[in-house]
Amino acid sequence: MLVGTVVGQVWATRKEETLGGLRLLVVQPYLLGGAETAETIVAVDTIGADTGERVLVVYGRAARHAIGKGHDIAFQSAIVAVVDGMDLGGRRVGQTAHDDE
């Protein structure tokens, strides 16, 4: 599991059959202190997250379960929550970078 920020969306005119109808978002992992990273992941959006929002991403069986297609899907990561806020060692982290204290 990881917390990250939605930084973009992926469009594909051709994709594996089991991915039909699924929205794919690009998520950048959150680093303590708000530092930037070049690393990103692509996750299926199961909840309607927007660009800039902090989200919770799960992997493997938990992701396939959240997507709702069991083992018959060619994807291993899914967004399962929009984070309203976090407390990290006394530092409040909000739903977006704009909401951080």
PDB file of N, CA and C in Angstrom:
ATOM      1  N   MET A   1       0.831  -1.167   0.000  1.00  0.00           N
ATOM      2  CA  MET A   1       0.000   0.000   0.000  1.00  0.00           C
ATOM      3  C   MET A   1       0.884   1.240   0.000  1.00  0.00           C
ATOM      4  N   LEU A   2       0.407   2.294  -0.659  1.00  0.00           N
ATOM      5  CA  LEU A   2       1.139   3.554  -0.590  1.00  0.00           C
ATOM      6  C   LEU A   2       0.185   4.721  -0.704  1.00  0.00           C
ATOM      7  N   VAL A   3       0.649   5.874  -0.200  1.00  0.00           N
ATOM      8  CA  VAL A   3      -0.074   7.124  -0.360  1.00  0.00           C
ATOM      9  C   VAL A   3       0.638   7.897  -1.452  1.00  0.00           C
ATOM     10  N   GLY A   4      -0.127   8.473  -2.367  1.00  0.00           N
ATOM     11  CA  GLY A   4       0.464   9.233  -3.450  1.00  0.00           C
ATOM     12  C   GLY A   4      -0.465  10.327  -3.919  1.00  0.00           C
ATOM     13  N   THR A   5       0.007  11.098  -4.883  1.00  0.00           N
ATOM     14  CA  THR A   5      -0.767  12.190  -5.463  1.00  0.00           C
ATOM     15  C   THR A   5      -1.041  11.876  -6.927  1.00  0.00           C
ATOM     16  N   VAL A   6      -2.286  12.032  -7.343  1.00  0.00           N
ATOM     17  CA  VAL A   6      -2.649  11.819  -8.745  1.00  0.00           C
ATOM     18  C   VAL A   6      -2.049  12.965  -9.554  1.00  0.00           C
ATOM     19  N   VAL A   7      -1.211  12.614 -10.543  1.00  0.00           N
ATOM     20  CA  VAL A   7      -0.538  13.631 -11.353  1.00  0.00           C
ATOM     21  C   VAL A   7      -0.943  13.584 -12.818  1.00  0.00           C
ATOM     22  N   GLY A   8      -1.761  12.616 -13.207  1.00  0.00           N
ATOM     23  CA  GLY A   8      -2.167  12.538 -14.602  1.00  0.00           C
ATOM     24  C   GLY A   8      -3.059  11.354 -14.889  1.00  0.00           C
ATOM     25  N   GLN A   9      -3.411  11.211 -16.156  1.00  0.00           N
ATOM     26  CA  GLN A   9      -4.290  10.145 -16.601  1.00  0.00           C
ATOM     27  C   GLN A   9      -3.667   9.476 -17.823  1.00  0.00           C
ATOM     28  N   VAL A  10      -3.967   8.198 -18.013  1.00  0.00           N
ATOM     29  CA  VAL A  10      -3.483   7.442 -19.162  1.00  0.00           C
ATOM     30  C   VAL A  10      -4.667   7.118 -20.058  1.00  0.00           C
ATOM     31  N   TRP A  11      -4.526   7.406 -21.360  1.00  0.00           N
ATOM     32  CA  TRP A  11      -5.517   7.010 -22.353  1.00  0.00           C
ATOM     33  C   TRP A  11      -4.880   5.964 -23.242  1.00  0.00           C
ATOM     34  N   ALA A  12      -5.651   4.952 -23.591  1.00  0.00           N
ATOM     35  CA  ALA A  12      -5.149   3.904 -24.476  1.00  0.00           C
ATOM     36  C   ALA A  12      -6.258   3.497 -25.438  1.00  0.00           C
ATOM     37  N   THR A  13      -6.011   3.638 -26.724  1.00  0.00           N
ATOM     38  CA  THR A  13      -7.024   3.252 -27.706  1.00  0.00           C
ATOM     39  C   THR A  13      -7.111   1.737 -27.851  1.00  0.00           C
ATOM     40  N   ARG A  14      -6.006   1.061 -27.566  1.00  0.00           N
ATOM     41  CA  ARG A  14      -5.996  -0.403 -27.573  1.00  0.00           C
ATOM     42  C   ARG A  14      -5.405  -0.860 -26.262  1.00  0.00           C
ATOM     43  N   LYS A  15      -6.096  -1.772 -25.579  1.00  0.00           N
ATOM     44  CA  LYS A  15      -5.573  -2.318 -24.331  1.00  0.00           C
ATOM     45  C   LYS A  15      -6.114  -3.724 -24.114  1.00  0.00           C
ATOM     46  N   GLU A  16      -5.522  -4.424 -23.176  1.00  0.00           N
ATOM     47  CA  GLU A  16      -5.916  -5.790 -22.858  1.00  0.00           C
ATOM     48  C   GLU A  16      -7.416  -5.802 -22.557  1.00  0.00           C
ATOM     49  N   GLU A  17      -8.083  -6.819 -23.046  1.00  0.00           N
ATOM     50  CA  GLU A  17      -9.543  -6.916 -22.979  1.00  0.00           C
ATOM     51  C   GLU A  17     -10.127  -6.700 -21.583  1.00  0.00           C
ATOM     52  N   THR A  18      -9.481  -7.220 -20.539  1.00  0.00           N
ATOM     53  CA  THR A  18     -10.033  -7.104 -19.183  1.00  0.00           C
ATOM     54  C   THR A  18      -9.940  -5.682 -18.632  1.00  0.00           C
ATOM     55  N   LEU A  19      -9.215  -4.804 -19.316  1.00  0.00           N
ATOM     56  CA  LEU A  19      -9.087  -3.425 -18.854  1.00  0.00           C
ATOM     57  C   LEU A  19     -10.133  -2.497 -19.474  1.00  0.00           C
ATOM     58  N   GLY A  20     -11.009  -3.040 -20.288  1.00  0.00           N
ATOM     59  CA  GLY A  20     -12.051  -2.244 -20.922  1.00  0.00           C
ATOM     60  C   GLY A  20     -12.918  -1.535 -19.901  1.00  0.00           C
ATOM     61  N   GLY A  21     -13.148  -0.241 -20.114  1.00  0.00           N
ATOM     62  CA  GLY A  21     -14.004   0.539 -19.230  1.00  0.00           C
ATOM     63  C   GLY A  21     -13.348   1.020 -17.954  1.00  0.00           C
ATOM     64  N   LEU A  22     -12.064   0.715 -17.743  1.00  0.00           N
ATOM     65  CA  LEU A  22     -11.381   1.134 -16.523  1.00  0.00           C
ATOM     66  C   LEU A  22     -10.579   2.405 -16.762  1.00  0.00           C
ATOM     67  N   ARG A  23     -10.639   3.328 -15.805  1.00  0.00           N
ATOM     68  CA  ARG A  23      -9.893   4.588 -15.870  1.00  0.00           C
ATOM     69  C   ARG A  23      -8.527   4.373 -15.226  1.00  0.00           C
ATOM     70  N   LEU A  24      -7.464   4.762 -15.929  1.00  0.00           N
ATOM     71  CA  LEU A  24      -6.103   4.579 -15.450  1.00  0.00           C
ATOM     72  C   LEU A  24      -5.501   5.933 -15.085  1.00  0.00           C
ATOM     73  N   LEU A  25      -5.009   6.066 -13.861  1.00  0.00           N
ATOM     74  CA  LEU A  25      -4.414   7.314 -13.396  1.00  0.00           C
ATOM     75  C   LEU A  25      -2.942   7.128 -13.065  1.00  0.00           C
ATOM     76  N   VAL A  26      -2.169   8.180 -13.253  1.00  0.00           N
ATOM     77  CA  VAL A  26      -0.751   8.192 -12.902  1.00  0.00           C
ATOM     78  C   VAL A  26      -0.636   8.768 -11.502  1.00  0.00           C
ATOM     79  N   VAL A  27       0.041   8.032 -10.611  1.00  0.00           N
ATOM     80  CA  VAL A  27       0.176   8.432  -9.209  1.00  0.00           C
ATOM     81  C   VAL A  27       1.657   8.557  -8.863  1.00  0.00           C
ATOM     82  N   GLN A  28       1.991   9.665  -8.229  1.00  0.00           N
ATOM     83  CA  GLN A  28       3.358   9.906  -7.762  1.00  0.00           C
ATOM     84  C   GLN A  28       3.380   9.634  -6.259  1.00  0.00           C
ATOM     85  N   PRO A  29       4.233   8.715  -5.780  1.00  0.00           N
ATOM     86  CA  PRO A  29       4.279   8.409  -4.351  1.00  0.00           C
ATOM     87  C   PRO A  29       4.572   9.649  -3.511  1.00  0.00           C
ATOM     88  N   TYR A  30       3.908   9.734  -2.341  1.00  0.00           N
ATOM     89  CA  TYR A  30       4.144  10.837  -1.410  1.00  0.00           C
ATOM     90  C   TYR A  30       5.410  10.540  -0.613  1.00  0.00           C
ATOM     91  N   LEU A  31       6.282  11.518  -0.508  1.00  0.00           N
ATOM     92  CA  LEU A  31       7.499  11.394   0.290  1.00  0.00           C
ATOM     93  C   LEU A  31       7.402  12.314   1.502  1.00  0.00           C
ATOM     94  N   LEU A  32       7.915  11.870   2.639  1.00  0.00           N
ATOM     95  CA  LEU A  32       7.895  12.698   3.843  1.00  0.00           C
ATOM     96  C   LEU A  32       8.518  14.050   3.558  1.00  0.00           C
ATOM     97  N   GLY A  33       7.913  15.075   4.079  1.00  0.00           N
ATOM     98  CA  GLY A  33       8.407  16.421   3.866  1.00  0.00           C
ATOM     99  C   GLY A  33       7.944  17.017   2.551  1.00  0.00           C
ATOM    100  N   GLY A  34       7.167  16.252   1.765  1.00  0.00           N
ATOM    101  CA  GLY A  34       6.642  16.761   0.508  1.00  0.00           C
ATOM    102  C   GLY A  34       7.657  16.818  -0.624  1.00  0.00           C
ATOM    103  N   ALA A  35       8.793  16.139  -0.470  1.00  0.00           N
ATOM    104  CA  ALA A  35       9.813  16.136  -1.521  1.00  0.00           C
ATOM    105  C   ALA A  35       9.248  15.528  -2.806  1.00  0.00           C
ATOM    106  N   GLU A  36       9.731  15.971  -3.937  1.00  0.00           N
ATOM    107  CA  GLU A  36       9.299  15.467  -5.240  1.00  0.00           C
ATOM    108  C   GLU A  36      10.080  14.204  -5.615  1.00  0.00           C
ATOM    109  N   THR A  37       9.462  13.352  -6.400  1.00  0.00           N
ATOM    110  CA  THR A  37      10.124  12.175  -6.950  1.00  0.00           C
ATOM    111  C   THR A  37       9.728  12.041  -8.412  1.00  0.00           C
ATOM    112  N   ALA A  38      10.619  11.509  -9.217  1.00  0.00           N
ATOM    113  CA  ALA A  38      10.324  11.290 -10.635  1.00  0.00           C
ATOM    114  C   ALA A  38       9.566   9.984 -10.839  1.00  0.00           C
ATOM    115  N   GLU A  39       9.536   9.132  -9.817  1.00  0.00           N
ATOM    116  CA  GLU A  39       8.879   7.834  -9.956  1.00  0.00           C
ATOM    117  C   GLU A  39       7.369   7.978  -9.936  1.00  0.00           C
ATOM    118  N   THR A  40       6.701   7.216 -10.777  1.00  0.00           N
ATOM    119  CA  THR A  40       5.245   7.194 -10.810  1.00  0.00           C
ATOM    120  C   THR A  40       4.772   5.765 -11.016  1.00  0.00           C
ATOM    121  N   ILE A  41       3.500   5.535 -10.704  1.00  0.00           N
ATOM    122  CA  ILE A  41       2.862   4.251 -10.982  1.00  0.00           C
ATOM    123  C   ILE A  41       1.549   4.533 -11.693  1.00  0.00           C
ATOM    124  N   VAL A  42       1.023   3.541 -12.357  1.00  0.00           N
ATOM    125  CA  VAL A  42      -0.297   3.638 -12.968  1.00  0.00           C
ATOM    126  C   VAL A  42      -1.221   2.731 -12.181  1.00  0.00           C
ATOM    127  N   ALA A  43      -2.378   3.266 -11.778  1.00  0.00           N
ATOM    128  CA  ALA A  43      -3.339   2.504 -10.983  1.00  0.00           C
ATOM    129  C   ALA A  43      -4.735   2.676 -11.557  1.00  0.00           C
ATOM    130  N   VAL A  44      -5.548   1.628 -11.438  1.00  0.00           N
ATOM    131  CA  VAL A  44      -6.948   1.707 -11.839  1.00  0.00           C
ATOM    132  C   VAL A  44      -7.677   2.568 -10.811  1.00  0.00           C
ATOM    133  N   ASP A  45      -8.467   3.517 -11.296  1.00  0.00           N
ATOM    134  CA  ASP A  45      -9.236   4.397 -10.418  1.00  0.00           C
ATOM    135  C   ASP A  45     -10.593   3.760 -10.146  1.00  0.00           C
ATOM    136  N   THR A  46     -10.817   3.305  -8.907  1.00  0.00           N
ATOM    137  CA  THR A  46     -12.082   2.659  -8.553  1.00  0.00           C
ATOM    138  C   THR A  46     -13.052   3.615  -7.880  1.00  0.00           C
ATOM    139  N   ILE A  47     -12.632   4.877  -7.615  1.00  0.00           N
ATOM    140  CA  ILE A  47     -13.471   5.773  -6.810  1.00  0.00           C
ATOM    141  C   ILE A  47     -13.703   7.156  -7.402  1.00  0.00           C
ATOM    142  N   GLY A  48     -13.108   7.476  -8.522  1.00  0.00           N
ATOM    143  CA  GLY A  48     -13.311   8.783  -9.126  1.00  0.00           C
ATOM    144  C   GLY A  48     -12.388   9.862  -8.596  1.00  0.00           C
ATOM    145  N   ALA A  49     -11.128   9.543  -8.397  1.00  0.00           N
ATOM    146  CA  ALA A  49     -10.144  10.510  -7.902  1.00  0.00           C
ATOM    147  C   ALA A  49      -9.835  11.548  -8.978  1.00  0.00           C
ATOM    148  N   ASP A  50      -9.414  12.741  -8.530  1.00  0.00           N
ATOM    149  CA  ASP A  50      -9.067  13.829  -9.444  1.00  0.00           C
ATOM    150  C   ASP A  50      -7.583  14.152  -9.370  1.00  0.00           C
ATOM    151  N   THR A  51      -7.080  14.792 -10.409  1.00  0.00           N
ATOM    152  CA  THR A  51      -5.691  15.230 -10.436  1.00  0.00           C
ATOM    153  C   THR A  51      -5.426  16.167  -9.261  1.00  0.00           C
ATOM    154  N   GLY A  52      -4.302  15.926  -8.580  1.00  0.00           N
ATOM    155  CA  GLY A  52      -3.913  16.730  -7.428  1.00  0.00           C
ATOM    156  C   GLY A  52      -4.318  16.141  -6.098  1.00  0.00           C
ATOM    157  N   GLU A  53      -5.255  15.188  -6.096  1.00  0.00           N
ATOM    158  CA  GLU A  53      -5.700  14.595  -4.832  1.00  0.00           C
ATOM    159  C   GLU A  53      -4.723  13.527  -4.350  1.00  0.00           C
ATOM    160  N   ARG A  54      -4.618  13.431  -3.032  1.00  0.00           N
ATOM    161  CA  ARG A  54      -3.823  12.364  -2.415  1.00  0.00           C
ATOM    162  C   ARG A  54      -4.702  11.132  -2.308  1.00  0.00           C
ATOM    163  N   VAL A  55      -4.138   9.984  -2.675  1.00  0.00           N
ATOM    164  CA  VAL A  55      -4.913   8.749  -2.729  1.00  0.00           C
ATOM    165  C   VAL A  55      -4.158   7.607  -2.062  1.00  0.00           C
ATOM    166  N   LEU A  56      -4.907   6.564  -1.713  1.00  0.00           N
ATOM    167  CA  LEU A  56      -4.343   5.332  -1.172  1.00  0.00           C
ATOM    168  C   LEU A  56      -4.392   4.286  -2.277  1.00  0.00           C
ATOM    169  N   VAL A  57      -3.238   3.686  -2.565  1.00  0.00           N
ATOM    170  CA  VAL A  57      -3.121   2.690  -3.631  1.00  0.00           C
ATOM    171  C   VAL A  57      -2.802   1.337  -3.008  1.00  0.00           C
ATOM    172  N   VAL A  58      -3.511   0.300  -3.441  1.00  0.00           N
ATOM    173  CA  VAL A  58      -3.240  -1.068  -3.001  1.00  0.00           C
ATOM    174  C   VAL A  58      -2.761  -1.890  -4.194  1.00  0.00           C
ATOM    175  N   TYR A  59      -2.126  -3.011  -3.891  1.00  0.00           N
ATOM    176  CA  TYR A  59      -1.524  -3.865  -4.920  1.00  0.00           C
ATOM    177  C   TYR A  59      -2.034  -5.298  -4.829  1.00  0.00           C
ATOM    178  N   GLY A  60      -1.782  -6.055  -5.875  1.00  0.00           N
ATOM    179  CA  GLY A  60      -2.028  -7.496  -5.888  1.00  0.00           C
ATOM    180  C   GLY A  60      -3.476  -7.881  -5.711  1.00  0.00           C
ATOM    181  N   ARG A  61      -3.705  -8.861  -4.842  1.00  0.00           N
ATOM    182  CA  ARG A  61      -5.052  -9.397  -4.628  1.00  0.00           C
ATOM    183  C   ARG A  61      -6.018  -8.324  -4.151  1.00  0.00           C
ATOM    184  N   ALA A  62      -5.558  -7.441  -3.257  1.00  0.00           N
ATOM    185  CA  ALA A  62      -6.421  -6.363  -2.766  1.00  0.00           C
ATOM    186  C   ALA A  62      -6.856  -5.464  -3.924  1.00  0.00           C
ATOM    187  N   ALA A  63      -5.952  -5.188  -4.855  1.00  0.00           N
ATOM    188  CA  ALA A  63      -6.284  -4.350  -6.005  1.00  0.00           C
ATOM    189  C   ALA A  63      -7.286  -5.057  -6.916  1.00  0.00           C
ATOM    190  N   ARG A  64      -7.035  -6.312  -7.215  1.00  0.00           N
ATOM    191  CA  ARG A  64      -7.953  -7.051  -8.082  1.00  0.00           C
ATOM    192  C   ARG A  64      -9.343  -7.136  -7.458  1.00  0.00           C
ATOM    193  N   HIS A  65      -9.407  -7.301  -6.144  1.00  0.00           N
ATOM    194  CA  HIS A  65     -10.691  -7.339  -5.435  1.00  0.00           C
ATOM    195  C   HIS A  65     -11.400  -5.986  -5.551  1.00  0.00           C
ATOM    196  N   ALA A  66     -10.659  -4.894  -5.346  1.00  0.00           N
ATOM    197  CA  ALA A  66     -11.242  -3.549  -5.421  1.00  0.00           C
ATOM    198  C   ALA A  66     -11.744  -3.238  -6.830  1.00  0.00           C
ATOM    199  N   ILE A  67     -11.029  -3.706  -7.841  1.00  0.00           N
ATOM    200  CA  ILE A  67     -11.425  -3.470  -9.229  1.00  0.00           C
ATOM    201  C   ILE A  67     -12.685  -4.274  -9.550  1.00  0.00           C
ATOM    202  N   GLY A  68     -12.856  -5.399  -8.867  1.00  0.00           N
ATOM    203  CA  GLY A  68     -14.083  -6.177  -8.999  1.00  0.00           C
ATOM    204  C   GLY A  68     -14.085  -7.226 -10.084  1.00  0.00           C
ATOM    205  N   LYS A  69     -12.916  -7.606 -10.567  1.00  0.00           N
ATOM    206  CA  LYS A  69     -12.872  -8.621 -11.619  1.00  0.00           C
ATOM    207  C   LYS A  69     -12.081  -9.849 -11.190  1.00  0.00           C
ATOM    208  N   GLY A  70     -11.861 -10.016  -9.908  1.00  0.00           N
ATOM    209  CA  GLY A  70     -11.162 -11.189  -9.401  1.00  0.00           C
ATOM    210  C   GLY A  70      -9.791 -11.372 -10.014  1.00  0.00           C
ATOM    211  N   HIS A  71      -9.422 -12.614 -10.260  1.00  0.00           N
ATOM    212  CA  HIS A  71      -8.101 -12.916 -10.827  1.00  0.00           C
ATOM    213  C   HIS A  71      -8.069 -12.725 -12.337  1.00  0.00           C
ATOM    214  N   ASP A  72      -9.218 -12.473 -12.927  1.00  0.00           N
ATOM    215  CA  ASP A  72      -9.299 -12.372 -14.381  1.00  0.00           C
ATOM    216  C   ASP A  72      -9.081 -10.945 -14.870  1.00  0.00           C
ATOM    217  N   ILE A  73      -8.023 -10.299 -14.380  1.00  0.00           N
ATOM    218  CA  ILE A  73      -7.712  -8.948 -14.821  1.00  0.00           C
ATOM    219  C   ILE A  73      -6.201  -8.793 -14.928  1.00  0.00           C
ATOM    220  N   ALA A  74      -5.786  -8.027 -15.910  1.00  0.00           N
ATOM    221  CA  ALA A  74      -4.362  -7.835 -16.161  1.00  0.00           C
ATOM    222  C   ALA A  74      -3.864  -6.561 -15.486  1.00  0.00           C
ATOM    223  N   PHE A  75      -4.165  -6.392 -14.196  1.00  0.00           N
ATOM    224  CA  PHE A  75      -3.711  -5.201 -13.484  1.00  0.00           C
ATOM    225  C   PHE A  75      -3.502  -5.525 -12.021  1.00  0.00           C
ATOM    226  N   GLN A  76      -2.517  -4.878 -11.401  1.00  0.00           N
ATOM    227  CA  GLN A  76      -2.137  -5.208 -10.036  1.00  0.00           C
ATOM    228  C   GLN A  76      -2.147  -4.025  -9.072  1.00  0.00           C
ATOM    229  N   SER A  77      -2.651  -2.850  -9.488  1.00  0.00           N
ATOM    230  CA  SER A  77      -2.700  -1.714  -8.563  1.00  0.00           C
ATOM    231  C   SER A  77      -4.007  -0.956  -8.747  1.00  0.00           C
ATOM    232  N   ALA A  78      -4.577  -0.481  -7.614  1.00  0.00           N
ATOM    233  CA  ALA A  78      -5.864   0.212  -7.669  1.00  0.00           C
ATOM    234  C   ALA A  78      -5.922   1.299  -6.611  1.00  0.00           C
ATOM    235  N   ILE A  79      -6.563   2.406  -6.967  1.00  0.00           N
ATOM    236  CA  ILE A  79      -6.825   3.484  -6.013  1.00  0.00           C
ATOM    237  C   ILE A  79      -8.095   3.115  -5.264  1.00  0.00           C
ATOM    238  N   VAL A  80      -8.010   3.084  -3.916  1.00  0.00           N
ATOM    239  CA  VAL A  80      -9.163   2.666  -3.117  1.00  0.00           C
ATOM    240  C   VAL A  80      -9.680   3.747  -2.180  1.00  0.00           C
ATOM    241  N   ALA A  81      -8.976   4.884  -2.066  1.00  0.00           N
ATOM    242  CA  ALA A  81      -9.441   5.949  -1.181  1.00  0.00           C
ATOM    243  C   ALA A  81      -8.804   7.268  -1.566  1.00  0.00           C
ATOM    244  N   VAL A  82      -9.552   8.365  -1.335  1.00  0.00           N
ATOM    245  CA  VAL A  82      -8.997   9.707  -1.395  1.00  0.00           C
ATOM    246  C   VAL A  82      -8.711  10.084   0.055  1.00  0.00           C
ATOM    247  N   VAL A  83      -7.477  10.471   0.329  1.00  0.00           N
ATOM    248  CA  VAL A  83      -7.052  10.782   1.695  1.00  0.00           C
ATOM    249  C   VAL A  83      -7.559  12.173   2.067  1.00  0.00           C
ATOM    250  N   ASP A  84      -8.342  12.272   3.140  1.00  0.00           N
ATOM    251  CA  ASP A  84      -8.810  13.572   3.631  1.00  0.00           C
ATOM    252  C   ASP A  84      -7.706  14.295   4.384  1.00  0.00           C
ATOM    253  N   GLY A  85      -6.865  13.533   5.077  1.00  0.00           N
ATOM    254  CA  GLY A  85      -5.766  14.136   5.816  1.00  0.00           C
ATOM    255  C   GLY A  85      -4.936  13.075   6.507  1.00  0.00           C
ATOM    256  N   MET A  86      -3.711  13.444   6.854  1.00  0.00           N
ATOM    257  CA  MET A  86      -2.800  12.555   7.581  1.00  0.00           C
ATOM    258  C   MET A  86      -2.042  13.385   8.597  1.00  0.00           C
ATOM    259  N   ASP A  87      -1.648  12.760   9.698  1.00  0.00           N
ATOM    260  CA  ASP A  87      -0.784  13.391  10.678  1.00  0.00           C
ATOM    261  C   ASP A  87       0.527  12.625  10.667  1.00  0.00           C
ATOM    262  N   LEU A  88       1.584  13.267  10.202  1.00  0.00           N
ATOM    263  CA  LEU A  88       2.892  12.619  10.091  1.00  0.00           C
ATOM    264  C   LEU A  88       3.869  13.311  11.024  1.00  0.00           C
ATOM    265  N   GLY A  89       3.983  12.787  12.224  1.00  0.00           N
ATOM    266  CA  GLY A  89       4.913  13.345  13.196  1.00  0.00           C
ATOM    267  C   GLY A  89       4.604  14.793  13.560  1.00  0.00           C
ATOM    268  N   GLY A  90       3.327  15.108  13.707  1.00  0.00           N
ATOM    269  CA  GLY A  90       2.934  16.452  14.056  1.00  0.00           C
ATOM    270  C   GLY A  90       2.712  17.369  12.868  1.00  0.00           C
ATOM    271  N   ARG A  91       3.024  16.907  11.688  1.00  0.00           N
ATOM    272  CA  ARG A  91       2.800  17.696  10.460  1.00  0.00           C
ATOM    273  C   ARG A  91       1.504  17.234   9.813  1.00  0.00           C
ATOM    274  N   ARG A  92       0.596  18.159   9.581  1.00  0.00           N
ATOM    275  CA  ARG A  92      -0.688  17.836   8.962  1.00  0.00           C
ATOM    276  C   ARG A  92      -0.543  17.870   7.446  1.00  0.00           C
ATOM    277  N   VAL A  93      -0.925  16.770   6.811  1.00  0.00           N
ATOM    278  CA  VAL A  93      -0.895  16.641   5.360  1.00  0.00           C
ATOM    279  C   VAL A  93      -2.339  16.528   4.897  1.00  0.00           C
ATOM    280  N   GLY A  94      -2.736  17.385   3.967  1.00  0.00           N
ATOM    281  CA  GLY A  94      -4.128  17.436   3.542  1.00  0.00           C
ATOM    282  C   GLY A  94      -4.452  16.607   2.321  1.00  0.00           C
ATOM    283  N   GLN A  95      -5.666  16.815   1.818  1.00  0.00           N
ATOM    284  CA  GLN A  95      -6.153  16.074   0.656  1.00  0.00           C
ATOM    285  C   GLN A  95      -5.384  16.453  -0.610  1.00  0.00           C
ATOM    286  N   THR A  96      -4.874  17.692  -0.670  1.00  0.00           N
ATOM    287  CA  THR A  96      -4.036  18.147  -1.778  1.00  0.00           C
ATOM    288  C   THR A  96      -2.851  18.888  -1.174  1.00  0.00           C
ATOM    289  N   ALA A  97      -1.835  19.174  -1.966  1.00  0.00           N
ATOM    290  CA  ALA A  97      -0.678  19.910  -1.481  1.00  0.00           C
ATOM    291  C   ALA A  97      -1.091  21.295  -0.963  1.00  0.00           C
ATOM    292  N   HIS A  98      -2.111  21.887  -1.562  1.00  0.00           N
ATOM    293  CA  HIS A  98      -2.609  23.195  -1.153  1.00  0.00           C
ATOM    294  C   HIS A  98      -3.143  23.173   0.275  1.00  0.00           C
ATOM    295  N   ASP A  99      -3.633  22.000   0.728  1.00  0.00           N
ATOM    296  CA  ASP A  99      -4.229  21.856   2.063  1.00  0.00           C
ATOM    297  C   ASP A  99      -3.216  21.545   3.164  1.00  0.00           C
ATOM    298  N   ASP A 100      -1.950  21.354   2.822  1.00  0.00           N
ATOM    299  CA  ASP A 100      -0.939  21.018   3.822  1.00  0.00           C
ATOM    300  C   ASP A 100      -0.698  22.178   4.766  1.00  0.00           C
ATOM    301  N   GLU A 101      -0.353  21.832   6.005  1.00  0.00           N
ATOM    302  CA  GLU A 101      -0.016  22.868   7.004  1.00  0.00           C
ATOM    303  C   GLU A 101       1.465  22.814   7.324  1.00  0.00           C
TER     304      GLU A 101
END
